[in-house]
């Protein structure tokens, strides 16, 4: 079963590495990682935006740059 949150990333992306550290700092719940490099549809949608955190329940997205406080607010908000 997929988790509620997904982090869209690219291979060899230093911003994505920073986003993972921010997610850890925020003590984010389990999330899936998806690499946009391997999927033309994801590449077209997220190619220049990554890293992007998405809530699968309501489709909201949090674009980089974000910090631990922003992640905590994003995770706590439900629509």
C-alpha atoms as a PDB file:
ATOM      1  CA  UNK A   1       0.000   0.000   0.000  1.00  0.00           C
ATOM      2  CA  UNK A   2       1.476   3.378  -0.963  1.00  0.00           C
ATOM      3  CA  UNK A   3       2.185   5.896   1.739  1.00  0.00           C
ATOM      4  CA  UNK A   4       0.334   9.202   1.943  1.00  0.00           C
ATOM      5  CA  UNK A   5       3.315  11.341   0.904  1.00  0.00           C
ATOM      6  CA  UNK A   6       5.709  11.110  -2.016  1.00  0.00           C
ATOM      7  CA  UNK A   7       8.903  13.055  -2.658  1.00  0.00           C
ATOM      8  CA  UNK A   8       9.664  13.552  -6.335  1.00  0.00           C
ATOM      9  CA  UNK A   9      13.422  13.636  -6.959  1.00  0.00           C
ATOM     10  CA  UNK A  10      16.102  13.405  -9.626  1.00  0.00           C
ATOM     11  CA  UNK A  11      19.248  11.312  -9.667  1.00  0.00           C
ATOM     12  CA  UNK A  12      22.383  13.174  -8.556  1.00  0.00           C
ATOM     13  CA  UNK A  13      20.373  16.149  -7.280  1.00  0.00           C
ATOM     14  CA  UNK A  14      22.006  18.021  -4.408  1.00  0.00           C
ATOM     15  CA  UNK A  15      18.739  19.847  -3.685  1.00  0.00           C
ATOM     16  CA  UNK A  16      17.019  16.485  -3.358  1.00  0.00           C
ATOM     17  CA  UNK A  17      19.667  15.415  -0.853  1.00  0.00           C
ATOM     18  CA  UNK A  18      18.973  18.601   1.098  1.00  0.00           C
ATOM     19  CA  UNK A  19      15.240  17.906   0.963  1.00  0.00           C
ATOM     20  CA  UNK A  20      15.798  14.445   2.439  1.00  0.00           C
ATOM     21  CA  UNK A  21      17.725  16.031   5.311  1.00  0.00           C
ATOM     22  CA  UNK A  22      14.889  18.533   5.859  1.00  0.00           C
ATOM     23  CA  UNK A  23      12.346  15.689   5.861  1.00  0.00           C
ATOM     24  CA  UNK A  24      14.399  13.911   8.530  1.00  0.00           C
ATOM     25  CA  UNK A  25      14.703  17.114  10.561  1.00  0.00           C
ATOM     26  CA  UNK A  26      10.910  17.535  10.375  1.00  0.00           C
ATOM     27  CA  UNK A  27      10.459  13.922  11.481  1.00  0.00           C
ATOM     28  CA  UNK A  28       8.186  13.430   8.507  1.00  0.00           C
ATOM     29  CA  UNK A  29       6.169  10.224   8.407  1.00  0.00           C
ATOM     30  CA  UNK A  30       7.169   7.490   5.996  1.00  0.00           C
ATOM     31  CA  UNK A  31       7.050   8.641   2.401  1.00  0.00           C
ATOM     32  CA  UNK A  32       7.755   7.179  -1.016  1.00  0.00           C
ATOM     33  CA  UNK A  33      10.507   8.504  -3.250  1.00  0.00           C
ATOM     34  CA  UNK A  34       9.925   8.701  -6.981  1.00  0.00           C
ATOM     35  CA  UNK A  35      12.681   9.549  -9.431  1.00  0.00           C
ATOM     36  CA  UNK A  36      11.386  11.605 -12.319  1.00  0.00           C
ATOM     37  CA  UNK A  37      14.333  10.704 -14.571  1.00  0.00           C
ATOM     38  CA  UNK A  38      12.851   7.290 -15.397  1.00  0.00           C
ATOM     39  CA  UNK A  39       9.351   8.419 -16.349  1.00  0.00           C
ATOM     40  CA  UNK A  40       8.616  10.786 -19.264  1.00  0.00           C
ATOM     41  CA  UNK A  41       5.349  11.943 -17.688  1.00  0.00           C
ATOM     42  CA  UNK A  42       6.970  12.739 -14.359  1.00  0.00           C
ATOM     43  CA  UNK A  43       9.926  14.316 -16.146  1.00  0.00           C
ATOM     44  CA  UNK A  44       7.571  16.662 -18.005  1.00  0.00           C
ATOM     45  CA  UNK A  45       5.677  17.601 -14.844  1.00  0.00           C
ATOM     46  CA  UNK A  46       8.475  17.793 -12.266  1.00  0.00           C
ATOM     47  CA  UNK A  47      11.725  17.995 -14.230  1.00  0.00           C
ATOM     48  CA  UNK A  48      12.703  21.524 -13.227  1.00  0.00           C
ATOM     49  CA  UNK A  49      10.667  21.677 -10.006  1.00  0.00           C
ATOM     50  CA  UNK A  50      12.221  18.886  -7.972  1.00  0.00           C
ATOM     51  CA  UNK A  51      12.300  18.219  -5.167  1.00  0.00           C
ATOM     52  CA  UNK A  52       8.534  18.316  -4.681  1.00  0.00           C
ATOM     53  CA  UNK A  53       6.615  16.805  -1.772  1.00  0.00           C
ATOM     54  CA  UNK A  54       3.101  15.664  -2.675  1.00  0.00           C
ATOM     55  CA  UNK A  55       0.158  14.641  -0.496  1.00  0.00           C
ATOM     56  CA  UNK A  56      -1.533  11.781  -2.327  1.00  0.00           C
ATOM     57  CA  UNK A  57      -4.769  12.239  -0.381  1.00  0.00           C
ATOM     58  CA  UNK A  58      -5.572  15.657  -1.774  1.00  0.00           C
ATOM     59  CA  UNK A  59      -2.948  16.311  -4.470  1.00  0.00           C
ATOM     60  CA  UNK A  60      -1.364  19.298  -2.727  1.00  0.00           C
ATOM     61  CA  UNK A  61       2.304  19.892  -3.504  1.00  0.00           C
ATOM     62  CA  UNK A  62       5.093  21.627  -1.636  1.00  0.00           C
ATOM     63  CA  UNK A  63       7.794  22.893  -3.974  1.00  0.00           C
ATOM     64  CA  UNK A  64      11.409  23.409  -3.016  1.00  0.00           C
ATOM     65  CA  UNK A  65      12.732  25.355  -1.232  1.00  0.00           C
ATOM     66  CA  UNK A  66      11.103  24.231   2.003  1.00  0.00           C
ATOM     67  CA  UNK A  67      12.312  23.936   5.568  1.00  0.00           C
ATOM     68  CA  UNK A  68      11.353  21.661   8.442  1.00  0.00           C
ATOM     69  CA  UNK A  69       8.642  24.057   9.669  1.00  0.00           C
ATOM     70  CA  UNK A  70       7.049  24.193   6.215  1.00  0.00           C
ATOM     71  CA  UNK A  71       7.092  20.387   6.000  1.00  0.00           C
ATOM     72  CA  UNK A  72       5.465  20.096   9.440  1.00  0.00           C
ATOM     73  CA  UNK A  73       2.716  22.543   8.434  1.00  0.00           C
ATOM     74  CA  UNK A  74       2.208  20.765   5.113  1.00  0.00           C
ATOM     75  CA  UNK A  75       1.909  17.365   6.776  1.00  0.00           C
ATOM     76  CA  UNK A  76      -0.476  18.654   9.466  1.00  0.00           C
ATOM     77  CA  UNK A  77      -2.820  20.308   6.954  1.00  0.00           C
ATOM     78  CA  UNK A  78      -5.670  18.272   5.514  1.00  0.00           C
ATOM     79  CA  UNK A  79      -8.157  19.400   2.916  1.00  0.00           C
END
